[in-house]
């Protein structure tokens, strides 16, 4: 990633508190906040502070961050009182990714059907 991508990435700005968001979780690697366009009663975004554009860009050294994101999502689901929930990571525009900073959607509070989309 070049410096200009980092400077223009909305999720980088949120993660580094250059843009305010209602943080529901933060540690040294991860932040979580409500999605601005929720599709469920609970719709949180869990993102790494490190800029990784998409899931397919995760390198071996970054693999731990995926597990950390899932652990945070699980803890947040419990905290939000949603025993049944869905996690989604879109990878690429054809899959619905619109912000190119790795993020996990935590969705809950209503029934979900299969297949999605």
C-alpha atoms as a PDB file:
ATOM      1  CA  UNK A   1       0.000   0.000   0.000  1.00  0.00           C
ATOM      2  CA  UNK A   2       1.293   3.424  -0.795  1.00  0.00           C
ATOM      3  CA  UNK A   3       0.920   6.303   1.652  1.00  0.00           C
ATOM      4  CA  UNK A   4      -1.906   7.928  -0.315  1.00  0.00           C
ATOM      5  CA  UNK A   5      -4.126   4.832   0.043  1.00  0.00           C
ATOM      6  CA  UNK A   6      -3.645   4.899   3.814  1.00  0.00           C
ATOM      7  CA  UNK A   7      -4.385   8.635   3.931  1.00  0.00           C
ATOM      8  CA  UNK A   8      -7.652   8.251   2.013  1.00  0.00           C
ATOM      9  CA  UNK A   9      -8.910   5.009   3.611  1.00  0.00           C
ATOM     10  CA  UNK A  10     -12.012   5.796   5.668  1.00  0.00           C
ATOM     11  CA  UNK A  11     -11.499   2.765   7.923  1.00  0.00           C
ATOM     12  CA  UNK A  12      -7.865   3.718   8.595  1.00  0.00           C
ATOM     13  CA  UNK A  13      -9.091   7.157   9.623  1.00  0.00           C
ATOM     14  CA  UNK A  14     -11.676   5.615  11.960  1.00  0.00           C
ATOM     15  CA  UNK A  15      -9.203   3.091  13.385  1.00  0.00           C
ATOM     16  CA  UNK A  16      -6.705   5.842  14.142  1.00  0.00           C
ATOM     17  CA  UNK A  17      -9.358   8.245  15.495  1.00  0.00           C
ATOM     18  CA  UNK A  18      -9.009  10.813  12.717  1.00  0.00           C
ATOM     19  CA  UNK A  19     -12.741  10.403  12.096  1.00  0.00           C
ATOM     20  CA  UNK A  20     -15.042   9.829  15.031  1.00  0.00           C
ATOM     21  CA  UNK A  21     -17.120   6.687  15.297  1.00  0.00           C
ATOM     22  CA  UNK A  22     -19.026   5.110  18.159  1.00  0.00           C
ATOM     23  CA  UNK A  23     -16.453   2.495  19.123  1.00  0.00           C
ATOM     24  CA  UNK A  24     -17.930  -0.570  20.776  1.00  0.00           C
ATOM     25  CA  UNK A  25     -14.514  -2.250  21.056  1.00  0.00           C
ATOM     26  CA  UNK A  26     -10.865  -1.289  20.781  1.00  0.00           C
ATOM     27  CA  UNK A  27      -7.548  -2.941  21.573  1.00  0.00           C
ATOM     28  CA  UNK A  28      -4.058  -2.553  20.149  1.00  0.00           C
ATOM     29  CA  UNK A  29      -4.952  -4.417  16.904  1.00  0.00           C
ATOM     30  CA  UNK A  30      -8.726  -4.225  16.403  1.00  0.00           C
ATOM     31  CA  UNK A  31     -11.598  -1.749  16.530  1.00  0.00           C
ATOM     32  CA  UNK A  32     -15.328  -2.348  16.163  1.00  0.00           C
ATOM     33  CA  UNK A  33     -18.143   0.104  15.498  1.00  0.00           C
ATOM     34  CA  UNK A  34     -21.708   0.097  14.133  1.00  0.00           C
ATOM     35  CA  UNK A  35     -22.212  -0.030  10.373  1.00  0.00           C
ATOM     36  CA  UNK A  36     -23.670   3.230   9.030  1.00  0.00           C
ATOM     37  CA  UNK A  37     -26.087   1.263   6.821  1.00  0.00           C
ATOM     38  CA  UNK A  38     -27.210  -1.633   9.040  1.00  0.00           C
ATOM     39  CA  UNK A  39     -28.993  -4.606   7.494  1.00  0.00           C
ATOM     40  CA  UNK A  40     -29.828  -6.213  10.840  1.00  0.00           C
ATOM     41  CA  UNK A  41     -30.743  -4.976  14.341  1.00  0.00           C
ATOM     42  CA  UNK A  42     -27.119  -5.608  15.304  1.00  0.00           C
ATOM     43  CA  UNK A  43     -24.649  -4.797  12.521  1.00  0.00           C
ATOM     44  CA  UNK A  44     -21.120  -4.108  13.687  1.00  0.00           C
ATOM     45  CA  UNK A  45     -17.900  -3.837  11.703  1.00  0.00           C
ATOM     46  CA  UNK A  46     -14.756  -5.421  13.149  1.00  0.00           C
ATOM     47  CA  UNK A  47     -11.577  -4.138  11.497  1.00  0.00           C
ATOM     48  CA  UNK A  48      -7.837  -4.388  12.017  1.00  0.00           C
ATOM     49  CA  UNK A  49      -5.989  -1.157  12.722  1.00  0.00           C
ATOM     50  CA  UNK A  50      -3.393  -2.269  10.182  1.00  0.00           C
ATOM     51  CA  UNK A  51      -4.451  -1.505   6.631  1.00  0.00           C
ATOM     52  CA  UNK A  52      -5.042  -4.708   4.684  1.00  0.00           C
ATOM     53  CA  UNK A  53      -7.132  -3.995   1.596  1.00  0.00           C
ATOM     54  CA  UNK A  54      -8.934  -7.340   1.331  1.00  0.00           C
ATOM     55  CA  UNK A  55      -8.947 -10.881   2.646  1.00  0.00           C
ATOM     56  CA  UNK A  56      -6.939 -12.118  -0.329  1.00  0.00           C
ATOM     57  CA  UNK A  57      -4.148  -9.694   0.645  1.00  0.00           C
ATOM     58  CA  UNK A  58      -3.603 -11.331   4.049  1.00  0.00           C
ATOM     59  CA  UNK A  59      -0.011 -12.529   4.290  1.00  0.00           C
ATOM     60  CA  UNK A  60       1.272 -15.335   6.556  1.00  0.00           C
ATOM     61  CA  UNK A  61       2.339 -12.809   9.201  1.00  0.00           C
ATOM     62  CA  UNK A  62      -1.189 -11.326   9.218  1.00  0.00           C
ATOM     63  CA  UNK A  63      -3.126 -14.585   9.615  1.00  0.00           C
ATOM     64  CA  UNK A  64      -3.407 -14.148  13.374  1.00  0.00           C
ATOM     65  CA  UNK A  65      -5.464 -11.008  12.796  1.00  0.00           C
ATOM     66  CA  UNK A  66      -8.264 -13.056  11.190  1.00  0.00           C
ATOM     67  CA  UNK A  67      -8.551 -15.227  14.289  1.00  0.00           C
ATOM     68  CA  UNK A  68      -8.471 -12.126  16.471  1.00  0.00           C
ATOM     69  CA  UNK A  69     -11.261 -10.530  14.430  1.00  0.00           C
ATOM     70  CA  UNK A  70     -13.424 -13.651  14.841  1.00  0.00           C
ATOM     71  CA  UNK A  71     -12.732 -13.816  18.592  1.00  0.00           C
ATOM     72  CA  UNK A  72     -13.709 -10.162  18.988  1.00  0.00           C
ATOM     73  CA  UNK A  73     -16.875 -10.702  16.917  1.00  0.00           C
ATOM     74  CA  UNK A  74     -17.861 -13.664  19.084  1.00  0.00           C
ATOM     75  CA  UNK A  75     -17.321 -11.670  22.291  1.00  0.00           C
ATOM     76  CA  UNK A  76     -19.308  -8.752  20.877  1.00  0.00           C
ATOM     77  CA  UNK A  77     -22.174 -11.059  19.873  1.00  0.00           C
ATOM     78  CA  UNK A  78     -22.358 -12.309  23.454  1.00  0.00           C
ATOM     79  CA  UNK A  79     -22.159  -8.751  24.790  1.00  0.00           C
ATOM     80  CA  UNK A  80     -24.927  -7.644  22.403  1.00  0.00           C
ATOM     81  CA  UNK A  81     -27.149 -10.551  23.498  1.00  0.00           C
ATOM     82  CA  UNK A  82     -27.271 -12.292  20.129  1.00  0.00           C
ATOM     83  CA  UNK A  83     -26.671 -16.033  20.574  1.00  0.00           C
ATOM     84  CA  UNK A  84     -27.324 -16.626  16.853  1.00  0.00           C
ATOM     85  CA  UNK A  85     -25.310 -14.450  14.527  1.00  0.00           C
ATOM     86  CA  UNK A  86     -23.608 -14.324  11.163  1.00  0.00           C
ATOM     87  CA  UNK A  87     -20.129 -13.109  10.264  1.00  0.00           C
ATOM     88  CA  UNK A  88     -19.331 -11.979   6.729  1.00  0.00           C
ATOM     89  CA  UNK A  89     -16.104 -10.925   5.039  1.00  0.00           C
ATOM     90  CA  UNK A  90     -16.598  -9.749   1.468  1.00  0.00           C
ATOM     91  CA  UNK A  91     -13.518  -9.995  -0.752  1.00  0.00           C
ATOM     92  CA  UNK A  92     -13.567  -7.859  -3.874  1.00  0.00           C
ATOM     93  CA  UNK A  93     -16.218  -5.785  -5.619  1.00  0.00           C
ATOM     94  CA  UNK A  94     -17.950  -8.826  -7.130  1.00  0.00           C
ATOM     95  CA  UNK A  95     -18.560 -10.119  -3.610  1.00  0.00           C
ATOM     96  CA  UNK A  96     -19.927  -6.788  -2.388  1.00  0.00           C
ATOM     97  CA  UNK A  97     -16.811  -5.224  -0.857  1.00  0.00           C
ATOM     98  CA  UNK A  98     -17.174  -1.449  -1.100  1.00  0.00           C
ATOM     99  CA  UNK A  99     -14.512  -0.280   1.382  1.00  0.00           C
ATOM    100  CA  UNK A 100     -11.087  -1.699   0.602  1.00  0.00           C
ATOM    101  CA  UNK A 101      -9.886  -2.205   4.166  1.00  0.00           C
ATOM    102  CA  UNK A 102     -10.397  -5.715   5.548  1.00  0.00           C
ATOM    103  CA  UNK A 103     -13.535  -5.813   7.691  1.00  0.00           C
ATOM    104  CA  UNK A 104     -15.842  -8.371   9.196  1.00  0.00           C
ATOM    105  CA  UNK A 105     -19.578  -7.755   9.434  1.00  0.00           C
ATOM    106  CA  UNK A 106     -21.173  -9.063  12.632  1.00  0.00           C
ATOM    107  CA  UNK A 107     -24.908  -9.438  12.006  1.00  0.00           C
ATOM    108  CA  UNK A 108     -27.600 -10.533  14.429  1.00  0.00           C
ATOM    109  CA  UNK A 109     -30.954  -9.877  16.003  1.00  0.00           C
ATOM    110  CA  UNK A 110     -33.083 -11.344  13.195  1.00  0.00           C
ATOM    111  CA  UNK A 111     -33.342 -14.658  11.329  1.00  0.00           C
ATOM    112  CA  UNK A 112     -31.001 -15.190   8.386  1.00  0.00           C
ATOM    113  CA  UNK A 113     -31.624 -17.478   5.434  1.00  0.00           C
ATOM    114  CA  UNK A 114     -29.370 -19.634   3.294  1.00  0.00           C
ATOM    115  CA  UNK A 115     -28.092 -19.068   0.741  1.00  0.00           C
ATOM    116  CA  UNK A 116     -27.356 -15.404   1.440  1.00  0.00           C
ATOM    117  CA  UNK A 117     -27.612 -12.684  -1.199  1.00  0.00           C
END
